[in-house]
Amino acid sequence: MENKDEKKEVRLLSDGFQSFEEIRNEHRVYVDKTDMVWKIANTKKYNFLSRPRRFGKSLLTDTLKCYFEARTDLFQGLKIMEMEKEEDWVKRAVFQFDFSGCETAAALESYLSGTLSEYENIYGKENTHETAKDRFLALMKKAYTKTGQQVAVLVDEYDSPLQHTLTKEEEHEKLVTVYRSFFPVMKTGSNLIKCLFITGITKFTQLSLFSMLNTMSILSSNSDYATVCGITEQELIDNYMPEIEALGEKNGWTVEQTLQELRNMYDGYCFSSNLSKSVYNPFSLISALADKNLGYYWTSSGASAMLNDILIQSDEDGEGLEGRVMNQEDIDTSDVNIESPTLFLYQSGYLTIKDYSPGVYILGIPNNEVRRALFNIVLPNAVRKRRSVVDNEIARMRLALNKRDIVDMMEHLKLIILQTPYPTQKGEHIYEERFQFFVKGALLLCGCYVLGENHIATGRPDLVARYGNTTMVFELKLDNNGGLEAAKQQLADRNYTAAYLQEGSDVYAIAVSFSTDDSIRGISGYDIKKMSIS
């Protein structure tokens, strides 16, 4: 008979874990990607995968290491065991590098020398070889002779030093020199290598690495590997239902509502022209499930060092981030350029593929977590106010929302937008879009979930924002396009709020007018009406 007092099984999640061995030995929840691991290991000799930070590249690299070391004990019950018989696994020497801790040329040279010394302690050292390239070639030869098998070479976060120095030209060039002196060994020792796997965020073609290894397989936008990092919707449901239910129970949501909240915050990444293969940010998703909290995990763990520089130096104000376009071939062949931020924003995870037309990708912001991170940099820059000023008003907006004081919230929103710069293009539509952008950004930063022009049965309100049990439906108009009265009338005529009225939630209809007059250039008036079910 079942003991009712028996404790439920504690499920261990793998949030933050980069060791495949630890995850498997500690019986942590693991989303099985080993079918793609096998394909990477056995299909092409040279492989490169670009993915944003905290997307599981290091775990994937470590899983490959365990495969090449023939650690069959760690793979029992996983897909890879159906693809290769246990007796056919080949144990190889694995040379693993991780460049993520190196920020200067001297640091990278020191890291390479230290790592090679560790391998020389295993395979022996040739005292006649002094350069990193020659030492590594000698090591591969010794390992090949000792084992009778080609070796595996794994280079994780290869571009981290280059990213840190992109705006420091002299140090960047020193690093490029180090790369160019070391990586040719991969071609020189081609006959000794079974598989080279390189990961990073961005692709720096000036290294000559990719042209030198002219058979390099670029996995980054290959639809066969679109989900190799990240978690699909089906994988979420199949592997994490107990955590989904627990998160929903804590917040009073159904399973479907919980899934929708998770989608809004962490889903939406697509890395190929196959739009059906979208994934969640794995770090944020698993962290949220572990904590039972929809937090900003990815962005709070440290934005890319390049993000702020690129957005500010390119004078990017965020208005055009949605709907950016890129030629398909540029995704894999172009270099990051600080004056042209689109490629960097895509490769680093701030933009993703939203649509595809033959030869062209249409990009957009993947989810609310990323949208908030971008607005945190973009909004102060766009309204031409100090970050501290905007942060203070955002905090006051949040305090007002906590008290459900919508009037006070609007007063602080007015101060953020007051005397904002004119848009570079003229026209009512351009002005309205710009002011909508400011309002949306401020609401996001103070913790609201925001929908822009959300389709409902009676039309499309300009903005819908939800903060806890408070829902705000906005209609925005320029003074010279009907202004406040027109906004109020549209809210009444189309009854936008009816779709959001539900027991236990306060719903407000908020009409806002904007003026382009030099003395205001911001909110000229607003009207707030608390709605109820009639």
Protein backbone atom coordinates (compact mmCIF):
# COMPACT_ATOMS: atom_id res chain seq x y z
CA MET A 1 0.00 0.00 0.00
CA GLU A 2 1.34 3.48 -0.96
CA ASN A 3 2.57 5.59 1.93
CA LYS A 4 0.78 8.96 1.64
CA ASP A 5 3.51 10.60 3.67
CA GLU A 6 6.17 9.43 1.26
CA LYS A 7 7.99 12.40 -0.19
CA LYS A 8 7.78 13.10 -3.88
CA GLU A 9 10.85 12.26 -5.89
CA VAL A 10 13.15 15.28 -6.10
CA ARG A 11 14.02 15.98 -9.72
CA LEU A 12 17.39 17.60 -10.32
CA LEU A 13 17.55 20.08 -13.17
CA SER A 14 20.68 20.94 -15.11
CA ASP A 15 20.49 24.76 -14.95
CA GLY A 16 24.02 26.12 -15.30
CA PHE A 17 25.63 22.68 -15.77
CA GLN A 18 28.19 22.35 -18.57
CA SER A 19 29.48 18.87 -17.72
CA PHE A 20 27.70 16.00 -19.46
CA GLU A 21 29.33 13.54 -17.04
CA GLU A 22 27.97 15.40 -13.99
CA ILE A 23 24.46 15.62 -15.43
CA ARG A 24 24.33 11.91 -16.20
CA ASN A 25 26.03 10.68 -13.02
CA GLU A 26 23.81 12.86 -10.82
CA HIS A 27 20.71 11.76 -12.75
CA ARG A 28 19.74 15.29 -13.66
CA VAL A 29 17.06 15.96 -16.27
CA TYR A 30 18.76 15.85 -19.67
CA VAL A 31 17.17 16.77 -23.00
CA ASP A 32 18.53 14.15 -25.38
CA LYS A 33 20.45 15.72 -28.29
CA THR A 34 22.79 12.78 -28.80
CA ASP A 35 21.46 11.90 -32.25
CA MET A 36 22.84 15.23 -33.47
CA VAL A 37 26.02 14.71 -31.43
CA TRP A 38 26.64 11.51 -33.38
CA LYS A 39 26.07 13.28 -36.72
CA ILE A 40 28.52 16.06 -35.83
CA ALA A 41 31.13 13.53 -34.77
CA ASN A 42 30.83 11.30 -37.81
CA THR A 43 29.71 13.35 -40.80
CA LYS A 44 32.36 16.02 -41.49
CA LYS A 45 35.94 16.54 -40.32
CA TYR A 46 35.78 20.31 -39.71
CA ASN A 47 32.69 21.80 -38.02
CA PHE A 48 31.73 25.26 -36.78
CA LEU A 49 28.64 26.15 -34.74
CA SER A 50 27.60 29.67 -33.83
CA ARG A 51 25.05 30.19 -31.06
CA PRO A 52 24.36 32.94 -28.48
CA ARG A 53 25.98 32.75 -25.05
CA ARG A 54 24.44 30.47 -22.41
CA PHE A 55 22.77 28.37 -25.13
CA GLY A 56 24.46 25.09 -24.26
CA LYS A 57 27.51 25.20 -26.55
CA SER A 58 29.83 24.13 -23.74
CA LEU A 59 27.57 21.24 -22.73
CA LEU A 60 27.41 20.13 -26.36
CA THR A 61 31.20 20.30 -26.60
CA ASP A 62 31.59 18.27 -23.42
CA THR A 63 29.10 15.70 -24.69
CA LEU A 64 31.22 15.30 -27.83
CA LYS A 65 34.28 14.84 -25.61
CA CYS A 66 32.56 12.02 -23.71
CA TYR A 67 31.53 10.39 -26.98
CA PHE A 68 35.06 10.48 -28.40
CA GLU A 69 36.37 9.05 -25.13
CA ALA A 70 33.91 6.16 -25.61
CA ARG A 71 32.18 6.78 -22.28
CA THR A 72 29.32 4.45 -23.12
CA ASP A 73 28.31 4.31 -19.45
CA LEU A 74 27.11 7.92 -19.73
CA PHE A 75 25.01 7.36 -22.85
CA GLN A 76 22.89 4.40 -21.80
CA GLY A 77 19.24 4.91 -22.76
CA LEU A 78 19.96 7.82 -25.08
CA LYS A 79 19.37 8.09 -28.83
CA ILE A 80 23.02 7.68 -29.73
CA MET A 81 22.99 4.07 -28.52
CA GLU A 82 20.49 3.29 -31.29
CA MET A 83 22.86 4.77 -33.89
CA GLU A 84 26.07 3.00 -32.94
CA LYS A 85 26.53 -0.36 -31.23
CA GLU A 86 28.41 -0.19 -27.96
CA GLU A 87 31.11 -2.55 -29.22
CA ASP A 88 31.78 -0.28 -32.21
CA TRP A 89 32.67 2.81 -30.17
CA VAL A 90 36.27 3.99 -30.64
CA LYS A 91 38.22 5.61 -27.81
CA ARG A 92 40.24 8.59 -29.04
CA ALA A 93 42.57 11.21 -27.62
CA VAL A 94 40.62 14.43 -27.15
CA PHE A 95 42.25 17.87 -27.10
CA GLN A 96 39.84 20.37 -25.61
CA PHE A 97 40.31 24.16 -25.51
CA ASP A 98 38.12 26.88 -24.04
CA PHE A 99 39.03 30.48 -24.93
CA SER A 100 36.30 32.13 -22.85
CA GLY A 101 38.62 33.34 -20.10
CA CYS A 102 41.13 35.09 -22.37
CA GLU A 103 40.75 38.82 -23.03
CA THR A 104 44.21 39.74 -24.38
CA ALA A 105 46.77 38.25 -26.75
CA ALA A 106 49.13 37.59 -23.83
CA ALA A 107 46.37 35.81 -21.90
CA LEU A 108 45.52 33.62 -24.90
CA GLU A 109 49.17 32.71 -25.50
CA SER A 110 49.55 31.84 -21.82
CA TYR A 111 46.38 29.73 -21.88
CA LEU A 112 47.50 27.81 -24.98
CA SER A 113 50.93 27.15 -23.47
CA GLY A 114 49.46 25.99 -20.17
CA THR A 115 46.88 23.73 -21.79
CA LEU A 116 49.46 22.18 -24.11
CA SER A 117 51.73 21.53 -21.09
CA GLU A 118 48.93 19.56 -19.45
CA TYR A 119 48.59 17.38 -22.55
CA GLU A 120 52.38 17.03 -22.81
CA ASN A 121 52.31 15.55 -19.30
CA ILE A 122 50.08 12.82 -20.73
CA TYR A 123 51.61 12.20 -24.17
CA GLY A 124 55.17 13.51 -23.78
CA LYS A 125 56.98 16.64 -24.93
CA GLU A 126 59.36 17.34 -27.78
CA ASN A 127 61.84 19.87 -26.36
CA THR A 128 62.79 21.06 -29.84
CA HIS A 129 59.34 22.50 -30.41
CA GLU A 130 58.66 25.94 -28.95
CA THR A 131 55.67 27.49 -30.76
CA ALA A 132 52.15 26.50 -29.78
CA LYS A 133 51.51 25.30 -33.32
CA ASP A 134 54.53 23.00 -33.40
CA ARG A 135 53.89 21.69 -29.87
CA PHE A 136 50.30 20.86 -30.74
CA LEU A 137 51.25 19.09 -33.97
CA ALA A 138 53.78 16.98 -32.05
CA LEU A 139 51.13 16.15 -29.45
CA MET A 140 48.65 14.98 -32.08
CA LYS A 141 51.31 12.79 -33.67
CA LYS A 142 52.19 11.23 -30.31
CA ALA A 143 48.53 10.62 -29.45
CA TYR A 144 47.93 9.06 -32.86
CA THR A 145 50.96 6.79 -32.44
CA LYS A 146 49.96 5.82 -28.90
CA THR A 147 46.29 5.02 -29.61
CA GLY A 148 46.35 4.13 -33.30
CA GLN A 149 43.33 6.42 -33.75
CA GLN A 150 42.81 9.90 -35.13
CA VAL A 151 42.24 12.54 -32.47
CA ALA A 152 39.35 14.90 -31.74
CA VAL A 153 39.96 18.63 -31.30
CA LEU A 154 37.30 20.72 -29.53
CA VAL A 155 37.57 24.52 -29.32
CA ASP A 156 34.83 26.16 -27.25
CA GLU A 157 34.09 29.92 -27.35
CA TYR A 158 36.90 30.47 -29.86
CA ASP A 159 35.83 34.10 -30.48
CA SER A 160 35.55 35.32 -26.89
CA PRO A 161 38.93 37.16 -26.89
CA LEU A 162 38.12 38.76 -30.24
CA GLN A 163 34.76 40.03 -28.99
CA HIS A 164 36.34 41.59 -25.91
CA THR A 165 38.77 43.56 -28.08
CA LEU A 166 36.61 44.49 -31.08
CA THR A 167 36.69 48.18 -30.12
CA LYS A 168 40.40 48.03 -29.13
CA GLU A 169 42.09 47.90 -32.49
CA GLU A 170 45.71 47.39 -31.40
CA GLU A 171 44.95 44.53 -28.97
CA HIS A 172 42.50 43.00 -31.46
CA GLU A 173 45.21 42.81 -34.13
CA LYS A 174 47.62 41.17 -31.67
CA LEU A 175 45.00 38.51 -31.00
CA VAL A 176 44.42 37.96 -34.70
CA THR A 177 48.15 37.29 -35.02
CA VAL A 178 47.96 34.63 -32.29
CA TYR A 179 45.03 32.93 -34.01
CA ARG A 180 46.75 32.96 -37.39
CA SER A 181 49.87 31.41 -35.93
CA PHE A 182 48.02 28.60 -34.11
CA PHE A 183 45.05 27.46 -36.18
CA PRO A 184 46.96 26.42 -39.35
CA VAL A 185 48.03 23.32 -37.42
CA MET A 186 44.48 22.01 -37.94
CA LYS A 187 45.17 21.84 -41.66
CA THR A 188 48.79 20.70 -41.34
CA GLY A 189 47.68 17.85 -39.10
CA SER A 190 44.54 17.05 -41.08
CA ASN A 191 45.44 13.36 -41.43
CA LEU A 192 45.68 13.10 -37.63
CA ILE A 193 42.24 14.59 -36.92
CA LYS A 194 38.95 12.68 -36.89
CA CYS A 195 36.85 15.71 -35.95
CA LEU A 196 37.46 19.40 -35.27
CA PHE A 197 34.52 21.12 -33.58
CA ILE A 198 34.63 24.87 -32.97
CA THR A 199 31.97 26.93 -31.21
CA GLY A 200 31.50 30.66 -30.82
CA ILE A 201 29.01 33.47 -31.00
CA THR A 202 30.36 35.39 -33.98
CA LYS A 203 32.34 34.46 -37.04
CA PHE A 204 35.54 36.37 -37.75
CA THR A 205 36.51 35.54 -41.31
CA GLN A 206 39.60 37.79 -41.27
CA LEU A 207 41.35 35.06 -39.28
CA SER A 208 41.58 33.03 -42.51
CA LEU A 209 40.48 30.09 -40.37
CA PHE A 210 37.39 29.37 -42.43
CA SER A 211 39.05 29.81 -45.82
CA MET A 212 42.09 27.83 -44.67
CA LEU A 213 39.84 24.93 -43.69
CA ASN A 214 37.94 25.16 -46.97
CA THR A 215 35.93 22.06 -46.17
CA MET A 216 34.62 23.56 -42.92
CA SER A 217 31.00 22.57 -42.36
CA ILE A 218 29.07 25.60 -41.08
CA LEU A 219 26.37 24.11 -38.86
CA SER A 220 25.04 27.44 -37.61
CA SER A 221 22.17 27.85 -40.09
CA ASN A 222 21.90 24.22 -41.16
CA SER A 223 18.31 23.12 -40.46
CA ASP A 224 19.56 19.62 -39.49
CA TYR A 225 21.19 21.21 -36.43
CA ALA A 226 18.73 24.06 -35.81
CA THR A 227 17.69 22.58 -32.45
CA VAL A 228 21.04 21.16 -31.32
CA CYS A 229 21.29 23.97 -28.75
CA GLY A 230 18.11 25.18 -27.09
CA ILE A 231 14.91 23.37 -26.14
CA THR A 232 11.95 22.83 -28.44
CA GLU A 233 8.34 23.10 -27.30
CA GLN A 234 7.91 19.32 -27.52
CA GLU A 235 11.12 18.72 -25.56
CA LEU A 236 9.84 21.12 -22.89
CA ILE A 237 6.56 19.24 -22.56
CA ASP A 238 8.18 15.79 -22.69
CA ASN A 239 10.93 16.51 -20.14
CA TYR A 240 9.67 19.18 -17.75
CA MET A 241 5.95 18.69 -17.14
CA PRO A 242 6.31 18.37 -13.31
CA GLU A 243 8.15 21.71 -13.24
CA ILE A 244 5.63 23.32 -15.60
CA GLU A 245 2.80 22.24 -13.33
CA ALA A 246 4.64 23.50 -10.23
CA LEU A 247 5.25 26.90 -11.83
CA GLY A 248 1.59 27.12 -12.82
CA GLU A 249 0.40 26.10 -9.37
CA LYS A 250 2.52 28.82 -7.75
CA ASN A 251 1.05 31.51 -10.01
CA GLY A 252 -2.52 30.23 -10.32
CA TRP A 253 -2.14 29.32 -14.01
CA THR A 254 -3.37 26.35 -15.98
CA VAL A 255 -0.78 24.25 -17.82
CA GLU A 256 -1.63 26.01 -21.09
CA GLN A 257 -1.37 29.44 -19.46
CA THR A 258 1.99 28.46 -17.97
CA LEU A 259 3.27 27.31 -21.35
CA GLN A 260 2.13 30.59 -22.92
CA GLU A 261 3.95 32.60 -20.25
CA LEU A 262 7.12 30.58 -20.88
CA ARG A 263 6.77 31.08 -24.65
CA ASN A 264 6.40 34.83 -24.24
CA MET A 265 9.50 35.08 -22.08
CA TYR A 266 11.97 32.54 -23.46
CA ASP A 267 10.84 31.02 -26.79
CA GLY A 268 11.13 32.40 -30.30
CA TYR A 269 14.70 31.62 -31.39
CA CYS A 270 15.11 30.29 -34.91
CA PHE A 271 18.47 29.58 -36.54
CA SER A 272 17.52 28.33 -40.00
CA SER A 273 15.06 28.86 -42.84
CA ASN A 274 12.94 26.06 -41.36
CA LEU A 275 10.74 28.26 -39.18
CA SER A 276 9.11 25.26 -37.50
CA LYS A 277 12.39 24.50 -35.70
CA SER A 278 12.27 27.21 -33.05
CA VAL A 279 13.75 26.82 -29.58
CA TYR A 280 13.64 28.28 -26.09
CA ASN A 281 16.68 29.83 -24.47
CA PRO A 282 17.76 26.79 -22.40
CA PHE A 283 19.53 28.67 -19.61
CA SER A 284 16.60 30.99 -18.88
CA LEU A 285 13.96 28.31 -19.34
CA ILE A 286 15.53 25.76 -16.98
CA SER A 287 16.41 28.49 -14.46
CA ALA A 288 12.78 29.67 -14.46
CA LEU A 289 11.50 26.13 -13.95
CA ALA A 290 14.02 25.49 -11.17
CA ASP A 291 13.13 28.73 -9.35
CA LYS A 292 9.39 28.68 -10.20
CA ASN A 293 9.85 32.27 -11.33
CA LEU A 294 9.78 34.04 -14.70
CA GLY A 295 13.01 35.99 -14.23
CA TYR A 296 15.42 37.72 -16.60
CA TYR A 297 18.11 35.07 -16.24
CA TRP A 298 19.93 35.32 -19.56
CA THR A 299 20.21 39.10 -19.56
CA SER A 300 21.08 39.37 -15.86
CA SER A 301 23.92 36.85 -16.27
CA GLY A 302 25.86 39.47 -18.24
CA ALA A 303 25.20 40.95 -21.66
CA SER A 304 27.77 40.58 -24.40
CA ALA A 305 30.61 43.02 -23.90
CA MET A 306 29.99 44.33 -27.41
CA LEU A 307 26.27 45.05 -27.10
CA ASN A 308 26.40 48.46 -25.45
CA ASP A 309 29.27 49.66 -27.68
CA ILE A 310 27.56 48.54 -30.87
CA LEU A 311 24.16 50.01 -30.06
CA ILE A 312 25.55 53.35 -28.91
CA GLN A 313 28.36 53.78 -31.44
CA SER A 314 25.98 52.97 -34.29
CA ASP A 315 23.46 55.44 -32.74
CA GLU A 316 20.92 52.62 -32.79
CA ASP A 317 17.65 53.83 -31.27
CA GLY A 318 15.79 50.55 -31.54
CA GLU A 319 12.95 51.67 -33.79
CA GLY A 320 14.04 49.47 -36.64
CA LEU A 321 15.09 46.34 -34.79
CA GLU A 322 11.92 44.50 -35.78
CA GLY A 323 11.79 43.60 -39.44
CA ARG A 324 15.50 43.88 -40.19
CA VAL A 325 16.49 41.92 -43.29
CA MET A 326 19.69 40.06 -44.16
CA ASN A 327 20.80 38.14 -47.20
CA GLN A 328 20.93 34.44 -46.41
CA GLU A 329 24.57 34.10 -47.41
CA ASP A 330 25.60 37.03 -45.18
CA ILE A 331 24.59 35.13 -42.04
CA ASP A 332 27.47 32.69 -42.54
CA THR A 333 29.96 34.67 -44.64
CA SER A 334 29.99 38.25 -43.30
CA ASP A 335 32.01 39.64 -40.41
CA VAL A 336 30.61 41.48 -37.43
CA ASN A 337 30.98 45.23 -37.98
CA ILE A 338 30.47 47.74 -35.21
CA GLU A 339 28.99 50.26 -37.65
CA SER A 340 26.47 47.70 -38.88
CA PRO A 341 24.97 45.97 -35.85
CA THR A 342 22.42 43.65 -37.47
CA LEU A 343 24.68 40.60 -37.85
CA PHE A 344 26.04 40.92 -34.32
CA LEU A 345 22.53 41.31 -32.87
CA TYR A 346 21.49 38.14 -34.71
CA GLN A 347 24.50 36.02 -33.83
CA SER A 348 24.49 37.09 -30.18
CA GLY A 349 20.78 36.31 -29.75
CA TYR A 350 19.21 39.78 -29.59
CA LEU A 351 17.57 39.26 -32.98
CA THR A 352 16.44 36.00 -34.53
CA ILE A 353 14.90 34.71 -37.75
CA LYS A 354 11.19 35.53 -37.82
CA ASP A 355 10.44 34.86 -41.48
CA TYR A 356 12.13 33.65 -44.63
CA SER A 357 11.83 34.54 -48.29
CA PRO A 358 14.13 32.81 -50.81
CA GLY A 359 17.59 34.19 -50.16
CA VAL A 360 16.46 36.63 -47.45
CA TYR A 361 15.95 36.36 -43.69
CA ILE A 362 13.55 38.69 -41.89
CA LEU A 363 14.74 39.26 -38.34
CA GLY A 364 13.06 40.35 -35.12
CA ILE A 365 13.34 40.30 -31.33
CA PRO A 366 12.77 36.72 -30.11
CA ASN A 367 10.94 37.26 -26.81
CA ASN A 368 10.18 39.56 -23.89
CA GLU A 369 13.35 38.75 -21.97
CA VAL A 370 15.50 39.97 -24.86
CA ARG A 371 13.18 42.88 -25.65
CA ARG A 372 13.60 44.19 -22.11
CA ALA A 373 17.40 43.87 -22.30
CA LEU A 374 17.53 45.87 -25.53
CA PHE A 375 15.22 48.60 -24.26
CA ASN A 376 17.37 48.91 -21.15
CA ILE A 377 20.16 50.24 -23.37
CA VAL A 378 18.17 51.67 -26.25
CA LEU A 379 15.53 53.73 -24.40
CA PRO A 380 17.86 56.15 -22.55
CA ASN A 381 19.81 56.59 -25.77
CA ALA A 382 16.64 57.21 -27.81
CA VAL A 383 15.10 59.78 -25.43
CA ARG A 384 18.53 61.43 -25.00
CA LYS A 385 18.42 61.26 -21.22
CA ARG A 386 20.98 59.96 -18.75
CA ARG A 387 20.56 56.32 -17.83
CA SER A 388 20.23 57.26 -14.16
CA VAL A 389 17.34 59.64 -14.94
CA VAL A 390 15.44 57.01 -16.92
CA ASP A 391 16.16 54.33 -14.29
CA ASN A 392 14.76 56.58 -11.56
CA GLU A 393 11.52 57.27 -13.44
CA ILE A 394 11.14 53.59 -14.35
CA ALA A 395 11.48 52.67 -10.66
CA ARG A 396 8.79 55.25 -9.79
CA MET A 397 6.52 53.85 -12.49
CA ARG A 398 6.92 50.43 -10.93
CA LEU A 399 6.14 51.75 -7.45
CA ALA A 400 2.98 53.34 -8.84
CA LEU A 401 1.95 50.08 -10.52
CA ASN A 402 2.49 48.20 -7.27
CA LYS A 403 -0.06 50.57 -5.70
CA ARG A 404 -2.27 50.43 -8.82
CA ASP A 405 -1.90 54.19 -9.07
CA ILE A 406 -2.16 54.50 -12.85
CA VAL A 407 -2.24 58.32 -12.76
CA ASP A 408 1.12 58.47 -10.95
CA MET A 409 2.52 55.92 -13.39
CA MET A 410 1.50 58.11 -16.33
CA GLU A 411 3.07 61.20 -14.76
CA HIS A 412 6.46 59.48 -14.57
CA LEU A 413 6.03 58.16 -18.11
CA LYS A 414 5.47 61.78 -19.21
CA LEU A 415 8.81 62.79 -17.68
CA ILE A 416 10.66 60.04 -19.56
CA ILE A 417 9.23 61.06 -22.92
CA LEU A 418 9.26 64.85 -22.42
CA GLN A 419 11.39 66.78 -24.95
CA THR A 420 12.39 63.68 -26.90
CA PRO A 421 14.27 64.23 -30.19
CA TYR A 422 12.39 64.43 -33.46
CA PRO A 423 12.48 61.31 -35.64
CA THR A 424 14.83 61.54 -38.61
CA GLN A 425 11.85 61.03 -40.94
CA LYS A 426 8.70 63.14 -40.92
CA GLY A 427 5.08 62.08 -41.11
CA GLU A 428 2.27 61.20 -38.73
CA HIS A 429 2.88 57.47 -38.97
CA ILE A 430 6.59 57.89 -38.15
CA TYR A 431 5.81 60.12 -35.16
CA GLU A 432 3.16 57.76 -33.78
CA GLU A 433 5.45 54.75 -34.15
CA ARG A 434 8.21 56.57 -32.31
CA PHE A 435 6.03 57.56 -29.36
CA GLN A 436 4.59 54.04 -29.22
CA PHE A 437 8.14 52.73 -29.08
CA PHE A 438 8.91 54.96 -26.09
CA VAL A 439 5.77 53.93 -24.17
CA LYS A 440 6.32 50.24 -24.92
CA GLY A 441 9.96 50.43 -23.81
CA ALA A 442 9.15 52.14 -20.51
CA LEU A 443 6.40 49.64 -19.70
CA LEU A 444 8.69 46.72 -20.46
CA LEU A 445 11.43 48.10 -18.25
CA CYS A 446 9.12 48.48 -15.28
CA GLY A 447 8.17 44.82 -15.51
CA CYS A 448 5.08 44.76 -17.70
CA TYR A 449 4.31 42.12 -20.26
CA VAL A 450 3.54 44.18 -23.36
CA LEU A 451 1.72 43.34 -26.58
CA GLY A 452 1.91 45.79 -29.49
CA GLU A 453 -1.13 46.07 -31.79
CA ASN A 454 -2.48 42.76 -30.52
CA HIS A 455 -5.24 41.42 -32.81
CA ILE A 456 -8.59 40.94 -31.06
CA ALA A 457 -12.11 40.57 -32.44
CA THR A 458 -12.86 44.32 -32.47
CA GLY A 459 -9.52 45.50 -33.88
CA ARG A 460 -5.99 46.27 -32.72
CA PRO A 461 -5.33 48.46 -29.67
CA ASP A 462 -1.96 50.19 -29.93
CA LEU A 463 -0.58 48.58 -26.75
CA VAL A 464 -1.75 46.14 -24.12
CA ALA A 465 0.34 45.91 -20.94
CA ARG A 466 -0.14 43.52 -18.05
CA TYR A 467 1.42 43.98 -14.62
CA GLY A 468 0.35 41.34 -12.11
CA ASN A 469 -3.44 41.55 -11.96
CA THR A 470 -3.54 44.91 -13.71
CA THR A 471 -4.17 45.13 -17.45
CA MET A 472 -3.81 48.42 -19.34
CA VAL A 473 -5.17 48.93 -22.86
CA PHE A 474 -3.64 51.94 -24.63
CA GLU A 475 -4.80 53.92 -27.66
CA LEU A 476 -2.26 56.53 -28.81
CA LYS A 477 -2.91 59.53 -31.08
CA LEU A 478 -1.02 62.60 -32.22
CA ASP A 479 -2.64 65.97 -31.45
CA ASN A 480 -2.90 66.68 -35.16
CA ASN A 481 -4.55 63.31 -35.77
CA GLY A 482 -7.54 63.72 -33.48
CA GLY A 483 -5.56 63.77 -30.25
CA LEU A 484 -7.00 62.71 -26.92
CA GLU A 485 -10.66 62.81 -27.93
CA ALA A 486 -10.04 60.57 -30.94
CA ALA A 487 -8.13 58.07 -28.78
CA LYS A 488 -10.95 58.01 -26.17
CA GLN A 489 -13.57 57.56 -28.87
CA GLN A 490 -11.73 54.67 -30.51
CA LEU A 491 -11.40 52.88 -27.17
CA ALA A 492 -15.14 53.28 -26.58
CA ASP A 493 -16.33 52.47 -30.10
CA ARG A 494 -14.25 49.33 -30.49
CA ASN A 495 -14.59 48.16 -26.89
CA TYR A 496 -10.98 46.94 -26.84
CA THR A 497 -11.03 46.25 -23.10
CA ALA A 498 -13.83 43.64 -23.31
CA ALA A 499 -11.32 40.99 -24.42
CA TYR A 500 -9.27 41.49 -21.25
CA LEU A 501 -11.97 41.76 -18.57
CA GLN A 502 -11.86 38.79 -16.25
CA GLU A 503 -12.60 38.18 -12.62
CA GLY A 504 -9.78 39.24 -10.32
CA SER A 505 -8.10 41.56 -12.83
CA ASP A 506 -8.27 45.38 -12.96
CA VAL A 507 -8.58 46.62 -16.54
CA TYR A 508 -7.89 50.22 -17.53
CA ALA A 509 -8.61 51.94 -20.84
CA ILE A 510 -5.92 54.60 -21.32
CA ALA A 511 -6.18 57.19 -24.08
CA VAL A 512 -2.97 59.14 -24.72
CA SER A 513 -2.24 62.13 -26.94
CA PHE A 514 1.20 63.22 -28.11
CA SER A 515 2.39 66.58 -29.31
CA THR A 516 5.25 67.28 -31.73
CA ASP A 517 5.23 70.93 -30.66
CA ASP A 518 8.72 72.12 -29.66
CA SER A 519 7.53 73.09 -26.19
CA ILE A 520 6.31 69.55 -25.42
CA ARG A 521 7.47 66.85 -27.81
CA GLY A 522 5.87 64.23 -25.59
CA ILE A 523 2.59 63.33 -23.88
CA SER A 524 0.19 66.28 -24.10
CA GLY A 525 -2.71 64.58 -22.33
CA TYR A 526 -4.16 61.30 -21.15
CA ASP A 527 -7.43 59.85 -19.91
CA ILE A 528 -7.74 56.79 -17.67
CA LYS A 529 -10.93 54.82 -17.25
CA LYS A 530 -11.24 51.77 -15.02
CA MET A 531 -13.42 49.19 -16.75
CA SER A 532 -15.75 46.56 -15.36
CA ILE A 533 -17.86 43.70 -16.69
CA SER A 534 -21.24 45.22 -17.60
